Amino acid sequence: MNGYLSLVLHAHLPYVRHPEHKEFLEEDWLYEAITETYIPLLEMFENLTRDRIQWNLTLTMSGTLVNMLNDSLLRERYIRHMDKLIEFCELEIERLKEYPDMLKVANHNLWFNKRAKSVYEDKYGRDLVGAFRKFQDQGNLEIIPVTATHGFLPLMKDYPEAVNAQIYMAKKDYQKNFNRDPKGIWLAECAYYPGQDKFLEKHGIRYFLVDAHGIMHSDPRPVYGIYSPVYTKNGVAAFARDLESSEQVWSSEIGYPGDGAYREFHKDAGYELDYEYVKPYLHSDGIRRNMGIKYHAITDKKGSFKACYDPDLAYGRAKEHAYNFVHNRSKQIEFLASKMKHRKPIVISPYDAELYGHWWYEGPIFLEWVFRATAESNFSTITPYQYLERYPTNQIVDVSMSSWGANGYYDVWIDGSNDYVYRHLHKATKKMIELANEREPVNELEYRALNQAARELLMAQTSCWEFIMFTGTMVGYAHKKISDHIHRLFKIYEDFKNGMLDESWINEIEYRDNIFPEIEYRMYRSDRL
């Protein structure tokens, strides 16, 4: 056995919950991820466990995602969403009964969505967090938290109380949901700045992940490059993303997901079919949207013609690509092992979890066959913490500032499209720190208001909003989310200062923005650093 492959899937969605509306378009992000990514992953875990295939995987689960998965309102809405989708799939079978190739896809769509609903409701009792926890307790899955609301820590570094709060809340929420202390953490956008590790060490975090250049540009340059962890001066291990294995999946040019046999993401029934026909299955606003019902293969990435999708052909292609991926990792790890003395190399391959299933429909099939093929290879899968247990002694370096994303140095999250938000976020942060440090609450309402102010700040700090502004998608919603959370914090600040808290309004926003039931505003106190 020459070395190790460590697959890391980053599962995160921004907190979107709108009880004030009967339906809300952006809540579909969660429903799509449940159906197309999280349930297929759980089914994959079940299959591998049943067949006694050795597997190890690291899964990050952000606090925003976990709290949405646990929310009774969103659970109920997901069932309603699936009932409507299944009804549409049944209607499609009748429409396409004279077209055998399309009918095959329609039957597949119906099977896929009925299975998802059954697994969600009957098998796991709507408790996907508990389902993932089961595999962690089994010893194959290592779940790690994310900075509490996916806050971008380098752009908070002037406010150490805010950095500390993001890590403290992530740990506290993780302990509640997974009944153990976290071993590692996913830093939002893999973003790191020198000195950040002291907050990780304070909360008992043993490791984090960065992009390759965060390690390669460290001082001194690591002896083993990116194929072994390093320690920061505070004793926290940093693992680096492997570029070679990432490119085979991520690359729009040579990546597997672009193969012509795979399902085309961008042709969806919600846009392709007659409007009056699909209208009853859209939201009440009647706006066309992705429904997740698709009939075409990629065919030719550069051409407009799209052949009918063949699920069996795509399944076979995913298996082929999995064996190719494992073959390439085998050669890579064999070469690395020949150059590394005293330890076996580890190849860290992190991806957004939603790539597998949502964006790349066949991704979970590919992953399952990666594990099956690895069982026959000259390397094995491992989690970062398992590797640290095998090799507890590592080089100490100063890890370089870095992030993943375009250009690798925060460019995506502080850009002309979004940089205006930080003056408002910083002002809100200062007000929260002031509230936390000024005086103790005199009654339960004041205590609740301070906790709600902390929630509003955490939700405003979600880095997804800046990313959405950068990419130019759903920009209005991103603007509104930040603005709403900051203005609620400002109102709490003014009302608290004036002794005029509005209990009915506090009740309303507690219900609307109800993340982190265990929140404690005192995490923003300066004496907690």
Protein backbone atom coordinates (compact mmCIF):
# COMPACT_ATOMS: atom_id res chain seq x y z
CA MET A 1 0.00 0.00 0.00
CA ASN A 2 1.69 3.16 -1.29
CA GLY A 3 -0.37 5.95 0.26
CA TYR A 4 -3.75 7.52 0.82
CA LEU A 5 -6.53 9.39 -0.94
CA SER A 6 -8.64 11.72 1.19
CA LEU A 7 -11.91 12.77 -0.43
CA VAL A 8 -13.56 15.80 1.17
CA LEU A 9 -17.06 16.96 0.24
CA HIS A 10 -18.05 20.44 1.35
CA ALA A 11 -21.80 20.47 2.08
CA HIS A 12 -23.08 24.00 2.60
CA LEU A 13 -26.03 26.18 1.65
CA PRO A 14 -26.84 29.71 2.86
CA TYR A 15 -29.65 29.94 5.39
CA VAL A 16 -32.84 30.53 3.41
CA ARG A 17 -36.11 30.22 5.30
CA HIS A 18 -39.12 32.43 4.63
CA PRO A 19 -42.15 31.44 6.73
CA GLU A 20 -43.78 34.73 5.77
CA HIS A 21 -44.32 33.31 2.25
CA LYS A 22 -46.22 30.18 1.27
CA GLU A 23 -43.47 29.33 -1.24
CA PHE A 24 -40.08 30.88 -1.83
CA LEU A 25 -37.91 30.32 -4.89
CA GLU A 26 -34.55 30.27 -3.10
CA GLU A 27 -35.75 27.58 -0.69
CA ASP A 28 -35.57 25.29 -3.72
CA TRP A 29 -31.76 25.31 -3.32
CA LEU A 30 -32.22 23.12 -0.25
CA TYR A 31 -34.83 20.85 -1.81
CA GLU A 32 -32.68 20.25 -4.89
CA ALA A 33 -29.63 19.46 -2.76
CA ILE A 34 -31.59 16.99 -0.61
CA THR A 35 -32.98 15.16 -3.64
CA GLU A 36 -29.99 15.23 -5.95
CA THR A 37 -27.00 15.19 -3.56
CA TYR A 38 -27.62 14.31 0.09
CA ILE A 39 -29.96 11.36 -0.40
CA PRO A 40 -27.83 9.83 -3.21
CA LEU A 41 -24.78 10.16 -0.96
CA LEU A 42 -26.57 8.38 1.88
CA GLU A 43 -27.68 5.65 -0.52
CA MET A 44 -24.06 5.31 -1.64
CA PHE A 45 -22.95 4.92 1.99
CA GLU A 46 -25.59 2.25 2.49
CA ASN A 47 -24.48 0.35 -0.63
CA LEU A 48 -20.80 0.38 0.29
CA THR A 49 -21.53 -0.68 3.87
CA ARG A 50 -23.85 -3.47 2.73
CA ASP A 51 -21.19 -4.84 0.36
CA ARG A 52 -18.44 -4.47 2.98
CA ILE A 53 -16.39 -2.13 0.80
CA GLN A 54 -13.81 -0.23 2.83
CA TRP A 55 -14.46 3.49 2.56
CA ASN A 56 -13.51 6.70 4.35
CA LEU A 57 -14.85 10.13 3.48
CA THR A 58 -14.82 13.56 5.08
CA LEU A 59 -18.02 15.60 4.85
CA THR A 60 -18.29 19.19 5.98
CA MET A 61 -21.74 20.23 7.15
CA SER A 62 -22.23 23.94 7.71
CA GLY A 63 -24.33 25.25 10.57
CA THR A 64 -26.67 26.94 8.10
CA LEU A 65 -27.27 23.66 6.28
CA VAL A 66 -27.69 21.56 9.43
CA ASN A 67 -30.18 24.01 10.92
CA MET A 68 -32.23 24.02 7.71
CA LEU A 69 -32.23 20.21 7.58
CA ASN A 70 -33.48 20.17 11.18
CA ASP A 71 -36.20 22.78 10.64
CA SER A 72 -39.75 21.39 10.83
CA LEU A 73 -41.18 24.01 8.47
CA LEU A 74 -38.63 23.27 5.75
CA ARG A 75 -39.04 19.53 6.25
CA GLU A 76 -42.76 19.84 5.66
CA ARG A 77 -42.24 22.09 2.65
CA TYR A 78 -39.80 19.58 1.15
CA ILE A 79 -42.47 16.87 1.24
CA ARG A 80 -44.94 19.22 -0.44
CA HIS A 81 -42.29 20.08 -3.05
CA MET A 82 -41.68 16.38 -3.77
CA ASP A 83 -45.39 15.56 -4.01
CA LYS A 84 -45.79 18.21 -6.70
CA LEU A 85 -42.68 17.01 -8.53
CA ILE A 86 -43.81 13.38 -8.50
CA GLU A 87 -47.23 14.38 -9.81
CA PHE A 88 -45.52 16.19 -12.70
CA CYS A 89 -43.33 13.14 -13.43
CA GLU A 90 -46.43 10.96 -13.62
CA LEU A 91 -48.03 13.44 -16.03
CA GLU A 92 -44.89 13.31 -18.18
CA ILE A 93 -45.11 9.53 -18.57
CA GLU A 94 -48.55 9.94 -20.10
CA ARG A 95 -47.33 12.75 -22.40
CA LEU A 96 -44.34 10.77 -23.67
CA LYS A 97 -45.87 7.32 -24.05
CA GLU A 98 -45.42 7.43 -27.85
CA TYR A 99 -41.71 8.34 -27.63
CA PRO A 100 -39.74 5.33 -26.29
CA ASP A 101 -36.40 7.07 -25.70
CA MET A 102 -37.96 10.00 -23.90
CA LEU A 103 -40.33 7.69 -22.01
CA LYS A 104 -37.32 5.80 -20.64
CA VAL A 105 -36.00 9.06 -19.19
CA ALA A 106 -39.45 10.00 -17.85
CA ASN A 107 -39.69 6.66 -16.04
CA HIS A 108 -36.21 7.20 -14.64
CA ASN A 109 -37.18 10.67 -13.40
CA LEU A 110 -40.27 9.28 -11.67
CA TRP A 111 -38.28 6.47 -10.04
CA PHE A 112 -35.56 8.87 -8.91
CA ASN A 113 -37.92 11.33 -7.24
CA LYS A 114 -40.19 8.69 -5.68
CA ARG A 115 -37.11 7.00 -4.25
CA ALA A 116 -35.84 10.30 -2.84
CA LYS A 117 -39.11 10.99 -1.07
CA SER A 118 -39.32 7.46 0.29
CA VAL A 119 -35.75 7.49 1.58
CA TYR A 120 -36.29 10.90 3.16
CA GLU A 121 -39.62 10.21 4.82
CA ASP A 122 -39.82 6.46 5.39
CA LYS A 123 -36.22 5.37 5.79
CA TYR A 124 -34.76 8.34 7.67
CA GLY A 125 -37.88 9.89 9.17
CA ARG A 126 -37.00 13.31 7.67
CA ASP A 127 -33.82 13.37 9.83
CA LEU A 128 -30.91 13.59 7.39
CA VAL A 129 -28.55 14.97 10.04
CA GLY A 130 -29.19 11.84 12.08
CA ALA A 131 -28.65 9.72 8.96
CA PHE A 132 -25.23 11.24 8.34
CA ARG A 133 -24.41 10.97 12.04
CA LYS A 134 -25.05 7.22 11.86
CA PHE A 135 -22.23 6.78 9.35
CA GLN A 136 -19.92 8.95 11.43
CA ASP A 137 -20.65 6.78 14.46
CA GLN A 138 -20.01 3.74 12.24
CA GLY A 139 -16.44 5.02 11.67
CA ASN A 140 -16.42 5.55 7.90
CA LEU A 141 -17.54 9.18 7.72
CA GLU A 142 -15.74 12.09 9.34
CA ILE A 143 -18.09 15.08 9.62
CA ILE A 144 -16.52 18.44 10.36
CA PRO A 145 -18.17 21.83 10.88
CA VAL A 146 -17.73 25.00 8.85
CA THR A 147 -17.27 28.51 10.21
CA ALA A 148 -20.72 29.03 11.71
CA THR A 149 -22.52 30.73 8.83
CA HIS A 150 -19.73 30.31 6.26
CA GLY A 151 -18.26 33.62 7.35
CA PHE A 152 -15.15 34.77 5.46
CA LEU A 153 -12.70 35.13 8.34
CA PRO A 154 -9.86 37.14 6.72
CA LEU A 155 -12.24 40.06 6.18
CA MET A 156 -13.13 39.99 9.90
CA LYS A 157 -9.56 39.93 11.20
CA ASP A 158 -9.76 43.48 12.59
CA TYR A 159 -12.54 42.21 14.86
CA PRO A 160 -11.15 39.15 16.66
CA GLU A 161 -14.40 38.82 18.62
CA ALA A 162 -16.21 38.14 15.31
CA VAL A 163 -13.66 35.55 14.20
CA ASN A 164 -13.89 33.84 17.58
CA ALA A 165 -17.72 33.86 17.43
CA GLN A 166 -17.80 32.16 14.02
CA ILE A 167 -15.61 29.33 15.33
CA TYR A 168 -17.22 29.10 18.76
CA MET A 169 -20.73 28.87 17.32
CA ALA A 170 -19.62 26.30 14.73
CA LYS A 171 -18.20 24.09 17.48
CA LYS A 172 -21.20 24.50 19.80
CA ASP A 173 -23.72 23.68 17.07
CA TYR A 174 -21.65 20.69 15.93
CA GLN A 175 -21.49 19.30 19.48
CA LYS A 176 -25.27 19.55 19.74
CA ASN A 177 -25.93 17.77 16.45
CA PHE A 178 -23.18 15.15 16.38
CA ASN A 179 -22.61 14.39 20.09
CA ARG A 180 -18.84 14.86 19.98
CA ASP A 181 -16.16 17.50 19.67
CA PRO A 182 -15.09 18.41 16.13
CA LYS A 183 -11.64 17.26 15.04
CA GLY A 184 -11.29 19.64 12.11
CA ILE A 185 -13.03 22.58 10.48
CA TRP A 186 -13.67 23.85 6.98
CA LEU A 187 -12.74 27.51 6.72
CA ALA A 188 -15.26 29.22 4.44
CA GLU A 189 -13.79 29.47 0.92
CA CYS A 190 -10.63 27.78 2.35
CA ALA A 191 -9.69 31.34 3.33
CA TYR A 192 -6.78 31.73 5.74
CA TYR A 193 -4.82 34.63 7.16
CA PRO A 194 -1.72 34.35 9.40
CA GLY A 195 -2.70 34.25 13.06
CA GLN A 196 -6.16 32.82 12.41
CA ASP A 197 -5.02 29.46 13.76
CA LYS A 198 -4.90 30.74 17.35
CA PHE A 199 -8.72 30.78 17.40
CA LEU A 200 -8.81 27.22 16.07
CA GLU A 201 -6.37 26.06 18.75
CA LYS A 202 -8.41 27.83 21.43
CA HIS A 203 -11.47 25.74 20.54
CA GLY A 204 -9.62 22.43 20.22
CA ILE A 205 -9.71 22.25 16.42
CA ARG A 206 -6.96 19.90 15.24
CA TYR A 207 -6.86 20.64 11.49
CA PHE A 208 -8.16 22.75 8.61
CA LEU A 209 -7.80 22.74 4.81
CA VAL A 210 -6.33 25.33 2.47
CA ASP A 211 -5.69 25.57 -1.25
CA ALA A 212 -2.35 24.31 -2.56
CA HIS A 213 -0.60 27.67 -2.67
CA GLY A 214 -1.41 28.28 1.00
CA ILE A 215 1.06 25.50 1.81
CA MET A 216 3.48 25.90 -1.11
CA HIS A 217 4.01 29.59 -0.30
CA SER A 218 4.46 28.99 3.41
CA ASP A 219 7.67 29.78 5.25
CA PRO A 220 9.70 27.62 5.24
CA ARG A 221 8.59 25.68 2.17
CA PRO A 222 7.37 22.26 3.35
CA VAL A 223 9.67 19.31 2.72
CA TYR A 224 6.80 17.14 1.44
CA GLY A 225 4.97 19.90 -0.41
CA ILE A 226 1.21 19.47 -0.38
CA TYR A 227 1.28 15.71 0.19
CA SER A 228 1.65 15.80 3.95
CA PRO A 229 0.14 18.13 6.56
CA VAL A 230 2.08 20.89 8.28
CA TYR A 231 1.57 22.45 11.69
CA THR A 232 1.08 26.13 12.35
CA LYS A 233 2.94 27.64 15.28
CA ASN A 234 -0.18 27.14 17.38
CA GLY A 235 -0.08 23.41 16.67
CA VAL A 236 -3.03 23.16 14.27
CA ALA A 237 -2.51 20.99 11.18
CA ALA A 238 -3.10 22.36 7.68
CA PHE A 239 -3.85 20.06 4.75
CA ALA A 240 -3.60 21.30 1.16
CA ARG A 241 -5.83 20.65 -1.85
CA ASP A 242 -4.26 18.52 -4.58
CA LEU A 243 -4.54 20.28 -7.93
CA GLU A 244 -4.11 17.24 -10.16
CA SER A 245 -7.01 15.20 -8.81
CA SER A 246 -9.19 18.30 -8.50
CA GLU A 247 -8.72 19.26 -12.15
CA GLN A 248 -9.96 15.89 -13.39
CA VAL A 249 -13.34 16.66 -11.85
CA TRP A 250 -13.55 20.46 -11.69
CA SER A 251 -12.13 21.46 -15.07
CA SER A 252 -14.70 22.64 -17.60
CA GLU A 253 -12.35 21.53 -20.38
CA ILE A 254 -11.04 18.12 -19.32
CA GLY A 255 -13.19 17.29 -16.29
CA TYR A 256 -15.32 14.14 -16.30
CA PRO A 257 -18.67 15.95 -15.81
CA GLY A 258 -18.41 17.43 -19.32
CA ASP A 259 -18.63 14.05 -21.04
CA GLY A 260 -21.31 13.93 -23.73
CA ALA A 261 -23.10 10.93 -22.20
CA TYR A 262 -23.93 12.74 -18.98
CA ARG A 263 -27.18 14.57 -18.31
CA GLU A 264 -27.33 18.17 -19.51
CA PHE A 265 -27.95 20.46 -16.54
CA HIS A 266 -29.00 23.52 -18.54
CA LYS A 267 -32.02 22.06 -20.39
CA ASP A 268 -34.84 21.74 -17.89
CA ALA A 269 -38.57 21.08 -18.29
CA GLY A 270 -39.32 24.24 -16.35
CA TYR A 271 -37.95 26.26 -19.27
CA GLU A 272 -38.29 23.88 -22.22
CA LEU A 273 -41.95 22.84 -22.11
CA ASP A 274 -45.10 24.82 -22.89
CA TYR A 275 -45.70 27.41 -20.21
CA GLU A 276 -49.35 26.62 -19.60
CA TYR A 277 -48.47 22.95 -19.22
CA VAL A 278 -45.79 23.50 -16.56
CA LYS A 279 -47.39 26.50 -14.84
CA PRO A 280 -49.33 24.46 -12.22
CA TYR A 281 -46.01 22.97 -11.09
CA LEU A 282 -44.15 26.26 -10.77
CA HIS A 283 -44.36 28.47 -7.71
CA SER A 284 -47.43 30.63 -7.23
CA ASP A 285 -45.62 33.59 -8.83
CA GLY A 286 -45.65 31.64 -12.11
CA ILE A 287 -42.00 32.37 -12.90
CA ARG A 288 -40.21 29.67 -14.87
CA ARG A 289 -37.56 27.85 -12.86
CA ASN A 290 -35.43 24.72 -12.87
CA MET A 291 -37.63 21.81 -11.87
CA GLY A 292 -34.91 19.16 -11.96
CA ILE A 293 -36.71 17.28 -14.74
CA LYS A 294 -34.30 16.91 -17.65
CA TYR A 295 -34.31 14.79 -20.80
CA HIS A 296 -31.14 15.54 -22.70
CA ALA A 297 -27.49 14.54 -22.64
CA ILE A 298 -24.61 17.01 -22.93
CA THR A 299 -23.80 15.42 -26.32
CA ASP A 300 -21.46 18.16 -27.56
CA LYS A 301 -20.39 20.95 -25.20
CA LYS A 302 -19.88 23.31 -28.13
CA GLY A 303 -22.94 22.37 -30.16
CA SER A 304 -26.62 23.21 -29.82
CA PHE A 305 -27.90 19.71 -30.65
CA LYS A 306 -28.64 17.63 -27.56
CA ALA A 307 -29.40 13.93 -27.87
CA CYS A 308 -31.86 12.16 -25.60
CA TYR A 309 -30.33 11.19 -22.27
CA ASP A 310 -29.67 7.48 -21.68
CA PRO A 311 -29.41 6.70 -17.92
CA ASP A 312 -27.81 3.29 -18.58
CA LEU A 313 -25.14 4.70 -20.86
CA ALA A 314 -24.38 7.47 -18.35
CA TYR A 315 -24.12 4.94 -15.51
CA GLY A 316 -21.56 2.95 -17.48
CA ARG A 317 -19.59 6.08 -18.31
CA ALA A 318 -19.48 7.10 -14.62
CA LYS A 319 -18.07 3.69 -13.77
CA GLU A 320 -15.42 4.01 -16.50
CA HIS A 321 -14.44 7.45 -15.25
CA ALA A 322 -14.21 6.18 -11.67
CA TYR A 323 -11.75 3.47 -12.68
CA ASN A 324 -9.78 6.02 -14.69
CA PHE A 325 -9.66 8.36 -11.69
CA VAL A 326 -8.44 5.55 -9.41
CA HIS A 327 -5.84 4.47 -11.99
CA ASN A 328 -4.50 8.03 -12.16
CA ARG A 329 -4.41 8.31 -8.36
CA SER A 330 -2.62 4.98 -8.18
CA LYS A 331 0.14 6.20 -10.52
CA GLN A 332 0.29 9.58 -8.76
CA ILE A 333 0.56 8.04 -5.28
CA GLU A 334 3.07 5.44 -6.47
CA PHE A 335 5.31 8.23 -7.79
CA LEU A 336 4.92 10.33 -4.63
CA ALA A 337 5.71 7.34 -2.41
CA SER A 338 8.98 6.81 -4.29
CA LYS A 339 10.03 10.38 -3.39
CA MET A 340 8.86 10.51 0.24
CA LYS A 341 10.78 8.83 3.02
CA HIS A 342 9.48 8.05 6.50
CA ARG A 343 5.79 8.47 5.60
CA LYS A 344 3.20 7.67 2.97
CA PRO A 345 1.72 10.52 0.91
CA ILE A 346 -1.83 11.80 1.32
CA VAL A 347 -3.69 13.28 -1.66
CA ILE A 348 -6.43 15.67 -0.49
CA SER A 349 -9.27 16.00 -3.01
CA PRO A 350 -11.94 18.49 -1.83
CA TYR A 351 -15.07 19.37 -3.80
CA ASP A 352 -18.36 21.13 -3.22
CA ALA A 353 -20.73 18.32 -2.26
CA GLU A 354 -23.45 19.70 -4.53
CA LEU A 355 -21.22 19.03 -7.55
CA TYR A 356 -22.05 15.37 -6.97
CA GLY A 357 -25.65 14.91 -7.98
CA HIS A 358 -26.95 18.44 -8.41
CA TRP A 359 -24.52 19.86 -10.97
CA TRP A 360 -23.15 16.50 -12.10
CA TYR A 361 -26.12 14.18 -11.94
CA GLU A 362 -24.02 11.01 -12.17
CA GLY A 363 -21.50 12.21 -9.58
CA PRO A 364 -22.70 9.92 -6.74
CA ILE A 365 -22.44 6.91 -9.08
CA PHE A 366 -18.88 7.98 -9.92
CA LEU A 367 -18.00 8.32 -6.22
CA GLU A 368 -19.39 4.91 -5.33
CA TRP A 369 -17.31 3.28 -8.04
CA VAL A 370 -14.23 5.24 -6.92
CA PHE A 371 -14.50 3.50 -3.56
CA ARG A 372 -15.16 0.12 -5.18
CA ALA A 373 -12.18 0.51 -7.50
CA THR A 374 -9.96 1.75 -4.67
CA ALA A 375 -10.60 -1.52 -2.83
CA GLU A 376 -8.64 -3.21 -5.66
CA SER A 377 -5.84 -0.61 -5.82
CA ASN A 378 -2.44 0.00 -4.20
CA PHE A 379 -3.72 2.86 -2.00
CA SER A 380 -6.58 3.33 0.44
CA THR A 381 -8.95 6.12 1.47
CA ILE A 382 -8.41 7.98 4.71
CA THR A 383 -9.67 11.07 6.54
CA PRO A 384 -7.33 13.90 7.54
CA TYR A 385 -7.66 13.12 11.23
CA GLN A 386 -6.93 9.43 10.65
CA TYR A 387 -3.75 10.50 8.85
CA LEU A 388 -2.74 12.71 11.78
CA GLU A 389 -3.18 9.76 14.10
CA ARG A 390 -0.74 7.77 11.94
CA TYR A 391 1.72 10.66 11.55
CA PRO A 392 1.42 12.98 14.58
CA THR A 393 4.83 14.61 14.01
CA ASN A 394 4.86 17.22 11.24
CA GLN A 395 6.85 20.22 10.07
CA ILE A 396 6.01 23.63 11.58
CA VAL A 397 5.57 26.48 9.08
CA ASP A 398 3.88 29.85 8.67
CA VAL A 399 0.96 29.07 6.37
CA SER A 400 0.43 31.74 3.71
CA MET A 401 -2.67 33.86 3.33
CA SER A 402 -4.81 32.25 0.65
CA SER A 403 -8.25 31.12 -0.47
CA TRP A 404 -9.67 29.03 -3.23
CA GLY A 405 -11.59 30.69 -6.05
CA ALA A 406 -10.37 32.90 -8.88
CA ASN A 407 -6.74 34.01 -8.40
CA GLY A 408 -6.57 32.45 -4.96
CA TYR A 409 -6.30 35.57 -2.78
CA TYR A 410 -9.81 36.66 -1.74
CA ASP A 411 -10.48 38.33 -5.14
CA VAL A 412 -13.94 36.82 -5.51
CA TRP A 413 -15.11 38.02 -2.09
CA ILE A 414 -13.77 41.55 -2.24
CA ASP A 415 -14.46 42.81 -5.73
CA GLY A 416 -16.01 45.86 -7.32
CA SER A 417 -19.31 44.01 -7.40
CA ASN A 418 -19.48 43.42 -3.65
CA ASP A 419 -16.85 45.39 -1.72
CA TYR A 420 -19.41 47.99 -0.58
CA VAL A 421 -20.92 45.49 1.87
CA TYR A 422 -17.91 45.38 4.19
CA ARG A 423 -18.26 48.89 5.59
CA HIS A 424 -21.79 47.90 6.64
CA LEU A 425 -20.72 44.50 7.97
CA HIS A 426 -17.90 46.11 9.96
CA LYS A 427 -20.24 48.71 11.43
CA ALA A 428 -22.69 45.96 12.40
CA THR A 429 -19.85 43.95 13.95
CA LYS A 430 -18.75 46.92 16.06
CA LYS A 431 -22.31 47.41 17.30
CA MET A 432 -22.63 43.71 18.21
CA ILE A 433 -19.34 43.75 20.14
CA GLU A 434 -20.47 46.91 21.93
CA LEU A 435 -23.80 45.33 22.89
CA ALA A 436 -22.08 42.19 24.18
CA ASN A 437 -19.59 44.11 26.30
CA GLU A 438 -21.65 47.02 27.59
CA ARG A 439 -23.87 45.53 30.30
CA GLU A 440 -25.75 42.42 31.30
CA PRO A 441 -29.41 42.14 30.22
CA VAL A 442 -31.87 43.05 32.97
CA ASN A 443 -34.67 40.72 31.85
CA GLU A 444 -35.44 37.82 29.52
CA LEU A 445 -36.53 40.09 26.66
CA GLU A 446 -33.20 41.90 26.65
CA TYR A 447 -31.37 38.57 26.71
CA ARG A 448 -33.40 37.29 23.77
CA ALA A 449 -32.83 40.51 21.85
CA LEU A 450 -29.06 40.28 22.31
CA ASN A 451 -29.07 36.68 21.12
CA GLN A 452 -31.15 37.68 18.11
CA ALA A 453 -28.71 40.46 17.28
CA ALA A 454 -25.95 37.84 17.25
CA ARG A 455 -28.00 35.69 14.85
CA GLU A 456 -28.57 38.61 12.51
CA LEU A 457 -24.86 39.42 12.35
CA LEU A 458 -23.86 35.81 11.73
CA MET A 459 -26.37 35.49 8.90
CA ALA A 460 -25.27 38.78 7.32
CA GLN A 461 -21.69 37.47 7.31
CA THR A 462 -22.45 34.47 5.05
CA SER A 463 -19.86 34.64 2.25
CA CYS A 464 -22.32 33.23 -0.29
CA TRP A 465 -23.92 36.64 -0.66
CA GLU A 466 -20.67 38.22 -1.94
CA PHE A 467 -20.10 35.22 -4.21
CA ILE A 468 -23.57 35.63 -5.70
CA MET A 469 -22.87 39.32 -6.36
CA PHE A 470 -19.55 38.40 -8.01
CA THR A 471 -21.17 35.84 -10.33
CA GLY A 472 -24.14 38.06 -11.12
CA THR A 473 -26.82 35.50 -10.22
CA MET A 474 -29.74 36.30 -7.87
CA VAL A 475 -27.95 39.55 -6.98
CA GLY A 476 -31.08 41.29 -5.73
CA TYR A 477 -31.73 38.54 -3.22
CA ALA A 478 -28.12 38.66 -1.95
CA HIS A 479 -28.34 42.44 -1.48
CA LYS A 480 -31.63 42.08 0.38
CA LYS A 481 -30.36 39.34 2.70
CA ILE A 482 -27.40 41.39 3.91
CA SER A 483 -29.47 44.57 4.16
CA ASP A 484 -32.31 42.90 6.10
CA HIS A 485 -30.05 41.24 8.67
CA ILE A 486 -27.97 44.37 9.25
CA HIS A 487 -31.00 46.61 9.62
CA ARG A 488 -32.55 44.23 12.14
CA LEU A 489 -29.34 44.30 14.15
CA PHE A 490 -29.25 48.11 13.99
CA LYS A 491 -32.85 48.31 15.22
CA ILE A 492 -32.11 45.97 18.12
CA TYR A 493 -29.06 48.09 18.95
CA GLU A 494 -31.04 51.35 19.03
CA ASP A 495 -34.02 49.86 20.89
CA PHE A 496 -31.75 48.18 23.44
CA LYS A 497 -29.87 51.44 24.04
CA ASN A 498 -33.12 53.34 24.46
CA GLY A 499 -34.77 50.70 26.62
CA MET A 500 -37.63 50.40 24.15
CA LEU A 501 -37.51 46.83 22.86
CA ASP A 502 -40.60 45.79 20.89
CA GLU A 503 -41.43 42.29 22.12
CA SER A 504 -43.87 41.49 19.31
CA TRP A 505 -41.23 42.43 16.72
CA ILE A 506 -38.58 40.38 18.55
CA ASN A 507 -40.99 37.43 18.50
CA GLU A 508 -41.48 37.86 14.77
CA ILE A 509 -37.80 37.95 13.81
CA GLU A 510 -36.95 35.13 16.21
CA TYR A 511 -39.43 32.99 14.30
CA ARG A 512 -38.21 34.16 10.92
CA ASP A 513 -34.46 33.99 11.62
CA ASN A 514 -34.38 31.06 13.99
CA ILE A 515 -30.95 29.56 13.33
CA PHE A 516 -28.85 28.28 16.26
CA PRO A 517 -31.38 27.75 19.09
CA GLU A 518 -28.44 27.43 21.52
CA ILE A 519 -26.84 30.75 20.58
CA GLU A 520 -25.14 32.80 23.32
CA TYR A 521 -24.47 36.47 22.53
CA ARG A 522 -21.65 36.57 25.13
CA MET A 523 -19.39 34.85 22.59
CA TYR A 524 -18.79 38.40 21.30
CA ARG A 525 -17.38 39.57 24.62
CA SER A 526 -13.77 40.67 24.54
CA ASP A 527 -12.95 38.67 27.66
CA ARG A 528 -13.81 35.48 25.75
CA LEU A 529 -10.79 35.87 23.45
